């Protein structure tokens, strides 16, 4: 649990530092692309199917609001 809190804190700090150099929209796109690539690679390594069904997309639609609310 301590390592999770450390990673969260480091991520927040690095995001604030990055925002002083890049625009918020560019940083959002970079973060979203990198997270999707990481999850796709993790699914490939674990030989699991990517969750790109209509039901999975409906469940994830609320995630669109998360960057704007954060």
PDB file of N, CA and C in Angstrom:
ATOM      1  N   UNK A   1       0.824  -1.187   0.000  1.00  0.00           N
ATOM      2  CA  UNK A   1       0.000   0.000   0.000  1.00  0.00           C
ATOM      3  C   UNK A   1       0.874   1.258   0.000  1.00  0.00           C
ATOM      4  N   UNK A   2       2.008   1.175   0.658  1.00  0.00           N
ATOM      5  CA  UNK A   2       2.896   2.329   0.710  1.00  0.00           C
ATOM      6  C   UNK A   2       3.476   2.636  -0.673  1.00  0.00           C
ATOM      7  N   UNK A   3       3.797   1.587  -1.419  1.00  0.00           N
ATOM      8  CA  UNK A   3       4.339   1.815  -2.765  1.00  0.00           C
ATOM      9  C   UNK A   3       3.282   2.412  -3.696  1.00  0.00           C
ATOM     10  N   UNK A   4       2.011   2.022  -3.514  1.00  0.00           N
ATOM     11  CA  UNK A   4       0.942   2.612  -4.324  1.00  0.00           C
ATOM     12  C   UNK A   4       0.813   4.110  -4.044  1.00  0.00           C
ATOM     13  N   UNK A   5       0.854   4.455  -2.763  1.00  0.00           N
ATOM     14  CA  UNK A   5       0.755   5.869  -2.383  1.00  0.00           C
ATOM     15  C   UNK A   5       1.955   6.650  -2.912  1.00  0.00           C
ATOM     16  N   UNK A   6       3.133   6.043  -2.879  1.00  0.00           N
ATOM     17  CA  UNK A   6       4.330   6.690  -3.403  1.00  0.00           C
ATOM     18  C   UNK A   6       4.202   6.938  -4.906  1.00  0.00           C
ATOM     19  N   UNK A   7       3.755   5.930  -5.642  1.00  0.00           N
ATOM     20  CA  UNK A   7       3.591   6.071  -7.094  1.00  0.00           C
ATOM     21  C   UNK A   7       2.539   7.126  -7.426  1.00  0.00           C
ATOM     22  N   UNK A   8       1.450   7.168  -6.662  1.00  0.00           N
ATOM     23  CA  UNK A   8       0.412   8.172  -6.893  1.00  0.00           C
ATOM     24  C   UNK A   8       0.975   9.569  -6.664  1.00  0.00           C
ATOM     25  N   UNK A   9       1.714   9.742  -5.593  1.00  0.00           N
ATOM     26  CA  UNK A   9       2.305  11.049  -5.297  1.00  0.00           C
ATOM     27  C   UNK A   9       3.321  11.481  -6.333  1.00  0.00           C
ATOM     28  N   UNK A  10       4.150  10.551  -6.775  1.00  0.00           N
ATOM     29  CA  UNK A  10       5.141  10.864  -7.809  1.00  0.00           C
ATOM     30  C   UNK A  10       4.433  11.214  -9.119  1.00  0.00           C
ATOM     31  N   UNK A  11       3.387  10.477  -9.453  1.00  0.00           N
ATOM     32  CA  UNK A  11       2.647  10.763 -10.680  1.00  0.00           C
ATOM     33  C   UNK A  11       2.012  12.142 -10.668  1.00  0.00           C
ATOM     34  N   UNK A  12       1.455  12.520  -9.522  1.00  0.00           N
ATOM     35  CA  UNK A  12       0.851  13.846  -9.405  1.00  0.00           C
ATOM     36  C   UNK A  12       1.900  14.936  -9.533  1.00  0.00           C
ATOM     37  N   UNK A  13       3.039  14.736  -8.875  1.00  0.00           N
ATOM     38  CA  UNK A  13       4.114  15.723  -8.944  1.00  0.00           C
ATOM     39  C   UNK A  13       4.654  15.859 -10.360  1.00  0.00           C
ATOM     40  N   UNK A  14       4.873  14.733 -11.037  1.00  0.00           N
ATOM     41  CA  UNK A  14       5.377  14.778 -12.407  1.00  0.00           C
ATOM     42  C   UNK A  14       4.368  15.424 -13.362  1.00  0.00           C
ATOM     43  N   UNK A  15       3.092  15.210 -13.110  1.00  0.00           N
ATOM     44  CA  UNK A  15       2.067  15.843 -13.937  1.00  0.00           C
ATOM     45  C   UNK A  15       2.113  17.359 -13.781  1.00  0.00           C
ATOM     46  N   UNK A  16       2.257  17.833 -12.550  1.00  0.00           N
ATOM     47  CA  UNK A  16       2.336  19.281 -12.328  1.00  0.00           C
ATOM     48  C   UNK A  16       3.585  19.865 -12.985  1.00  0.00           C
ATOM     49  N   UNK A  17       4.701  19.143 -12.920  1.00  0.00           N
ATOM     50  CA  UNK A  17       5.918  19.615 -13.577  1.00  0.00           C
ATOM     51  C   UNK A  17       5.751  19.632 -15.094  1.00  0.00           C
ATOM     52  N   UNK A  18       5.104  18.602 -15.632  1.00  0.00           N
ATOM     53  CA  UNK A  18       4.907  18.531 -17.083  1.00  0.00           C
ATOM     54  C   UNK A  18       3.984  19.631 -17.570  1.00  0.00           C
ATOM     55  N   UNK A  19       3.006  20.018 -16.748  1.00  0.00           N
ATOM     56  CA  UNK A  19       2.080  21.068 -17.163  1.00  0.00           C
ATOM     57  C   UNK A  19       2.756  22.424 -17.293  1.00  0.00           C
ATOM     58  N   UNK A  20       3.909  22.588 -16.648  1.00  0.00           N
ATOM     59  CA  UNK A  20       4.627  23.852 -16.817  1.00  0.00           C
ATOM     60  C   UNK A  20       5.351  23.914 -18.159  1.00  0.00           C
ATOM     61  N   UNK A  21       5.511  22.765 -18.814  1.00  0.00           N
ATOM     62  CA  UNK A  21       6.211  22.712 -20.098  1.00  0.00           C
ATOM     63  C   UNK A  21       5.295  22.436 -21.290  1.00  0.00           C
ATOM     64  N   UNK A  22       4.225  21.660 -21.093  1.00  0.00           N
ATOM     65  CA  UNK A  22       3.340  21.273 -22.192  1.00  0.00           C
ATOM     66  C   UNK A  22       1.918  21.723 -21.862  1.00  0.00           C
ATOM     67  N   UNK A  23       1.100  21.843 -22.878  1.00  0.00           N
ATOM     68  CA  UNK A  23      -0.296  22.224 -22.647  1.00  0.00           C
ATOM     69  C   UNK A  23      -1.063  21.052 -22.026  1.00  0.00           C
ATOM     70  N   UNK A  24      -2.160  21.373 -21.368  1.00  0.00           N
ATOM     71  CA  UNK A  24      -2.952  20.354 -20.674  1.00  0.00           C
ATOM     72  C   UNK A  24      -3.544  19.335 -21.649  1.00  0.00           C
ATOM     73  N   UNK A  25      -3.964  19.803 -22.809  1.00  0.00           N
ATOM     74  CA  UNK A  25      -4.551  18.900 -23.799  1.00  0.00           C
ATOM     75  C   UNK A  25      -3.524  17.914 -24.335  1.00  0.00           C
ATOM     76  N   UNK A  26      -2.331  18.390 -24.608  1.00  0.00           N
ATOM     77  CA  UNK A  26      -1.264  17.514 -25.092  1.00  0.00           C
ATOM     78  C   UNK A  26      -0.891  16.481 -24.041  1.00  0.00           C
ATOM     79  N   UNK A  27      -0.803  16.914 -22.796  1.00  0.00           N
ATOM     80  CA  UNK A  27      -0.473  15.979 -21.714  1.00  0.00           C
ATOM     81  C   UNK A  27      -1.567  14.937 -21.553  1.00  0.00           C
ATOM     82  N   UNK A  28      -2.825  15.343 -21.683  1.00  0.00           N
ATOM     83  CA  UNK A  28      -3.930  14.396 -21.586  1.00  0.00           C
ATOM     84  C   UNK A  28      -3.835  13.332 -22.669  1.00  0.00           C
ATOM     85  N   UNK A  29      -3.568  13.751 -23.895  1.00  0.00           N
ATOM     86  CA  UNK A  29      -3.449  12.800 -25.004  1.00  0.00           C
ATOM     87  C   UNK A  29      -2.275  11.854 -24.773  1.00  0.00           C
ATOM     88  N   UNK A  30      -1.148  12.377 -24.317  1.00  0.00           N
ATOM     89  CA  UNK A  30       0.026  11.542 -24.049  1.00  0.00           C
ATOM     90  C   UNK A  30      -0.287  10.517 -22.971  1.00  0.00           C
ATOM     91  N   UNK A  31      -0.943  10.940 -21.888  1.00  0.00           N
ATOM     92  CA  UNK A  31      -1.263  10.025 -20.798  1.00  0.00           C
ATOM     93  C   UNK A  31      -2.263   8.965 -21.234  1.00  0.00           C
ATOM     94  N   UNK A  32      -3.269   9.346 -22.004  1.00  0.00           N
ATOM     95  CA  UNK A  32      -4.265   8.372 -22.456  1.00  0.00           C
ATOM     96  C   UNK A  32      -3.663   7.350 -23.407  1.00  0.00           C
ATOM     97  N   UNK A  33      -2.856   7.807 -24.351  1.00  0.00           N
ATOM     98  CA  UNK A  33      -2.233   6.880 -25.303  1.00  0.00           C
ATOM     99  C   UNK A  33      -1.282   5.928 -24.586  1.00  0.00           C
ATOM    100  N   UNK A  34      -0.487   6.453 -23.654  1.00  0.00           N
ATOM    101  CA  UNK A  34       0.457   5.590 -22.955  1.00  0.00           C
ATOM    102  C   UNK A  34      -0.269   4.570 -22.080  1.00  0.00           C
ATOM    103  N   UNK A  35      -1.384   4.951 -21.459  1.00  0.00           N
ATOM    104  CA  UNK A  35      -2.107   3.991 -20.624  1.00  0.00           C
ATOM    105  C   UNK A  35      -2.781   2.913 -21.471  1.00  0.00           C
ATOM    106  N   UNK A  36      -3.337   3.288 -22.618  1.00  0.00           N
ATOM    107  CA  UNK A  36      -3.960   2.300 -23.494  1.00  0.00           C
ATOM    108  C   UNK A  36      -2.907   1.336 -24.040  1.00  0.00           C
ATOM    109  N   UNK A  37      -1.744   1.857 -24.425  1.00  0.00           N
ATOM    110  CA  UNK A  37      -0.678   0.980 -24.909  1.00  0.00           C
ATOM    111  C   UNK A  37      -0.196   0.026 -23.817  1.00  0.00           C
ATOM    112  N   UNK A  38      -0.040   0.534 -22.604  1.00  0.00           N
ATOM    113  CA  UNK A  38       0.392  -0.318 -21.494  1.00  0.00           C
ATOM    114  C   UNK A  38      -0.612  -1.436 -21.237  1.00  0.00           C
ATOM    115  N   UNK A  39      -1.902  -1.092 -21.206  1.00  0.00           N
ATOM    116  CA  UNK A  39      -2.923  -2.112 -20.957  1.00  0.00           C
ATOM    117  C   UNK A  39      -3.022  -3.115 -22.098  1.00  0.00           C
ATOM    118  N   UNK A  40      -2.841  -2.655 -23.336  1.00  0.00           N
ATOM    119  CA  UNK A  40      -2.868  -3.578 -24.475  1.00  0.00           C
ATOM    120  C   UNK A  40      -1.696  -4.545 -24.423  1.00  0.00           C
ATOM    121  N   UNK A  41      -0.517  -4.046 -24.046  1.00  0.00           N
ATOM    122  CA  UNK A  41       0.655  -4.919 -23.919  1.00  0.00           C
ATOM    123  C   UNK A  41       0.472  -5.904 -22.767  1.00  0.00           C
ATOM    124  N   UNK A  42      -0.099  -5.424 -21.649  1.00  0.00           N
ATOM    125  CA  UNK A  42      -0.348  -6.310 -20.509  1.00  0.00           C
ATOM    126  C   UNK A  42      -1.341  -7.408 -20.878  1.00  0.00           C
ATOM    127  N   UNK A  43      -2.378  -7.066 -21.634  1.00  0.00           N
ATOM    128  CA  UNK A  43      -3.340  -8.076 -22.085  1.00  0.00           C
ATOM    129  C   UNK A  43      -2.681  -9.063 -23.038  1.00  0.00           C
ATOM    130  N   UNK A  44      -1.806  -8.582 -23.892  1.00  0.00           N
ATOM    131  CA  UNK A  44      -1.114  -9.465 -24.833  1.00  0.00           C
ATOM    132  C   UNK A  44      -0.194 -10.435 -24.087  1.00  0.00           C
ATOM    133  N   UNK A  45       0.533  -9.943 -23.099  1.00  0.00           N
ATOM    134  CA  UNK A  45       1.450 -10.794 -22.329  1.00  0.00           C
ATOM    135  C   UNK A  45       0.665 -11.848 -21.552  1.00  0.00           C
ATOM    136  N   UNK A  46      -0.471 -11.452 -20.977  1.00  0.00           N
ATOM    137  CA  UNK A  46      -1.293 -12.388 -20.207  1.00  0.00           C
ATOM    138  C   UNK A  46      -2.212 -13.219 -21.094  1.00  0.00           C
ATOM    139  N   UNK A  47      -2.091 -13.067 -22.408  1.00  0.00           N
ATOM    140  CA  UNK A  47      -2.932 -13.752 -23.409  1.00  0.00           C
ATOM    141  C   UNK A  47      -4.415 -13.621 -23.085  1.00  0.00           C
ATOM    142  N   UNK A  48      -4.828 -12.399 -22.813  1.00  0.00           N
ATOM    143  CA  UNK A  48      -6.241 -12.112 -22.584  1.00  0.00           C
ATOM    144  C   UNK A  48      -6.765 -11.251 -23.728  1.00  0.00           C
ATOM    145  N   UNK A  49      -8.035 -11.379 -23.970  1.00  0.00           N
ATOM    146  CA  UNK A  49      -8.654 -10.602 -25.038  1.00  0.00           C
ATOM    147  C   UNK A  49      -8.859  -9.162 -24.567  1.00  0.00           C
ATOM    148  N   UNK A  50      -8.607  -8.230 -25.457  1.00  0.00           N
ATOM    149  CA  UNK A  50      -8.834  -6.827 -25.131  1.00  0.00           C
ATOM    150  C   UNK A  50     -10.329  -6.573 -25.000  1.00  0.00           C
ATOM    151  N   UNK A  51     -10.743  -5.785 -24.001  1.00  0.00           N
ATOM    152  CA  UNK A  51     -12.178  -5.571 -23.765  1.00  0.00           C
ATOM    153  C   UNK A  51     -12.757  -4.494 -24.672  1.00  0.00           C
ATOM    154  N   UNK A  52     -12.880  -4.795 -25.960  1.00  0.00           N
ATOM    155  CA  UNK A  52     -13.404  -3.821 -26.904  1.00  0.00           C
ATOM    156  C   UNK A  52     -14.807  -4.197 -27.375  1.00  0.00           C
ATOM    157  N   UNK A  53     -15.607  -4.754 -26.483  1.00  0.00           N
ATOM    158  CA  UNK A  53     -16.982  -5.073 -26.843  1.00  0.00           C
ATOM    159  C   UNK A  53     -17.870  -3.860 -26.564  1.00  0.00           C
ATOM    160  N   UNK A  54     -19.086  -3.895 -27.064  1.00  0.00           N
ATOM    161  CA  UNK A  54     -20.014  -2.789 -26.856  1.00  0.00           C
ATOM    162  C   UNK A  54     -20.358  -2.641 -25.376  1.00  0.00           C
ATOM    163  N   UNK A  55     -20.507  -3.748 -24.665  1.00  0.00           N
ATOM    164  CA  UNK A  55     -20.833  -3.691 -23.232  1.00  0.00           C
ATOM    165  C   UNK A  55     -19.691  -3.059 -22.442  1.00  0.00           C
ATOM    166  N   UNK A  56     -18.446  -3.379 -22.783  1.00  0.00           N
ATOM    167  CA  UNK A  56     -17.301  -2.802 -22.082  1.00  0.00           C
ATOM    168  C   UNK A  56     -17.184  -1.312 -22.371  1.00  0.00           C
ATOM    169  N   UNK A  57     -17.480  -0.909 -23.595  1.00  0.00           N
ATOM    170  CA  UNK A  57     -17.437   0.514 -23.929  1.00  0.00           C
ATOM    171  C   UNK A  57     -18.517   1.296 -23.194  1.00  0.00           C
ATOM    172  N   UNK A  58     -19.698   0.695 -23.028  1.00  0.00           N
ATOM    173  CA  UNK A  58     -20.767   1.365 -22.285  1.00  0.00           C
ATOM    174  C   UNK A  58     -20.374   1.539 -20.820  1.00  0.00           C
ATOM    175  N   UNK A  59     -19.692   0.560 -20.242  1.00  0.00           N
ATOM    176  CA  UNK A  59     -19.270   0.655 -18.851  1.00  0.00           C
ATOM    177  C   UNK A  59     -18.183   1.712 -18.682  1.00  0.00           C
ATOM    178  N   UNK A  60     -17.356   1.899 -19.675  1.00  0.00           N
ATOM    179  CA  UNK A  60     -16.251   2.838 -19.566  1.00  0.00           C
ATOM    180  C   UNK A  60     -16.570   4.252 -19.995  1.00  0.00           C
ATOM    181  N   UNK A  61     -17.799   4.517 -20.403  1.00  0.00           N
ATOM    182  CA  UNK A  61     -18.152   5.835 -20.912  1.00  0.00           C
ATOM    183  C   UNK A  61     -18.003   6.911 -19.831  1.00  0.00           C
ATOM    184  N   UNK A  62     -18.187   6.551 -18.569  1.00  0.00           N
ATOM    185  CA  UNK A  62     -18.035   7.521 -17.490  1.00  0.00           C
ATOM    186  C   UNK A  62     -16.576   7.945 -17.335  1.00  0.00           C
ATOM    187  N   UNK A  63     -15.647   7.137 -17.820  1.00  0.00           N
ATOM    188  CA  UNK A  63     -14.238   7.476 -17.744  1.00  0.00           C
ATOM    189  C   UNK A  63     -13.863   8.685 -18.589  1.00  0.00           C
ATOM    190  N   UNK A  64     -14.725   9.063 -19.508  1.00  0.00           N
ATOM    191  CA  UNK A  64     -14.455  10.244 -20.335  1.00  0.00           C
ATOM    192  C   UNK A  64     -14.465  11.506 -19.460  1.00  0.00           C
ATOM    193  N   UNK A  65     -15.308  11.496 -18.433  1.00  0.00           N
ATOM    194  CA  UNK A  65     -15.429  12.676 -17.584  1.00  0.00           C
ATOM    195  C   UNK A  65     -14.318  12.778 -16.544  1.00  0.00           C
ATOM    196  N   UNK A  66     -13.610  11.709 -16.277  1.00  0.00           N
ATOM    197  CA  UNK A  66     -12.591  11.700 -15.234  1.00  0.00           C
ATOM    198  C   UNK A  66     -11.478  12.723 -15.442  1.00  0.00           C
ATOM    199  N   UNK A  67     -10.878  12.856 -16.624  1.00  0.00           N
ATOM    200  CA  UNK A  67      -9.843  13.882 -16.781  1.00  0.00           C
ATOM    201  C   UNK A  67     -10.367  15.310 -16.584  1.00  0.00           C
ATOM    202  N   UNK A  68     -11.577  15.563 -17.026  1.00  0.00           N
ATOM    203  CA  UNK A  68     -12.133  16.907 -16.884  1.00  0.00           C
ATOM    204  C   UNK A  68     -12.461  17.212 -15.420  1.00  0.00           C
ATOM    205  N   UNK A  69     -12.943  16.227 -14.695  1.00  0.00           N
ATOM    206  CA  UNK A  69     -13.287  16.437 -13.288  1.00  0.00           C
ATOM    207  C   UNK A  69     -12.042  16.516 -12.407  1.00  0.00           C
ATOM    208  N   UNK A  70     -10.987  15.805 -12.817  1.00  0.00           N
ATOM    209  CA  UNK A  70      -9.752  15.832 -12.015  1.00  0.00           C
ATOM    210  C   UNK A  70      -9.066  17.164 -12.178  1.00  0.00           C
TER     211      UNK A  70
END
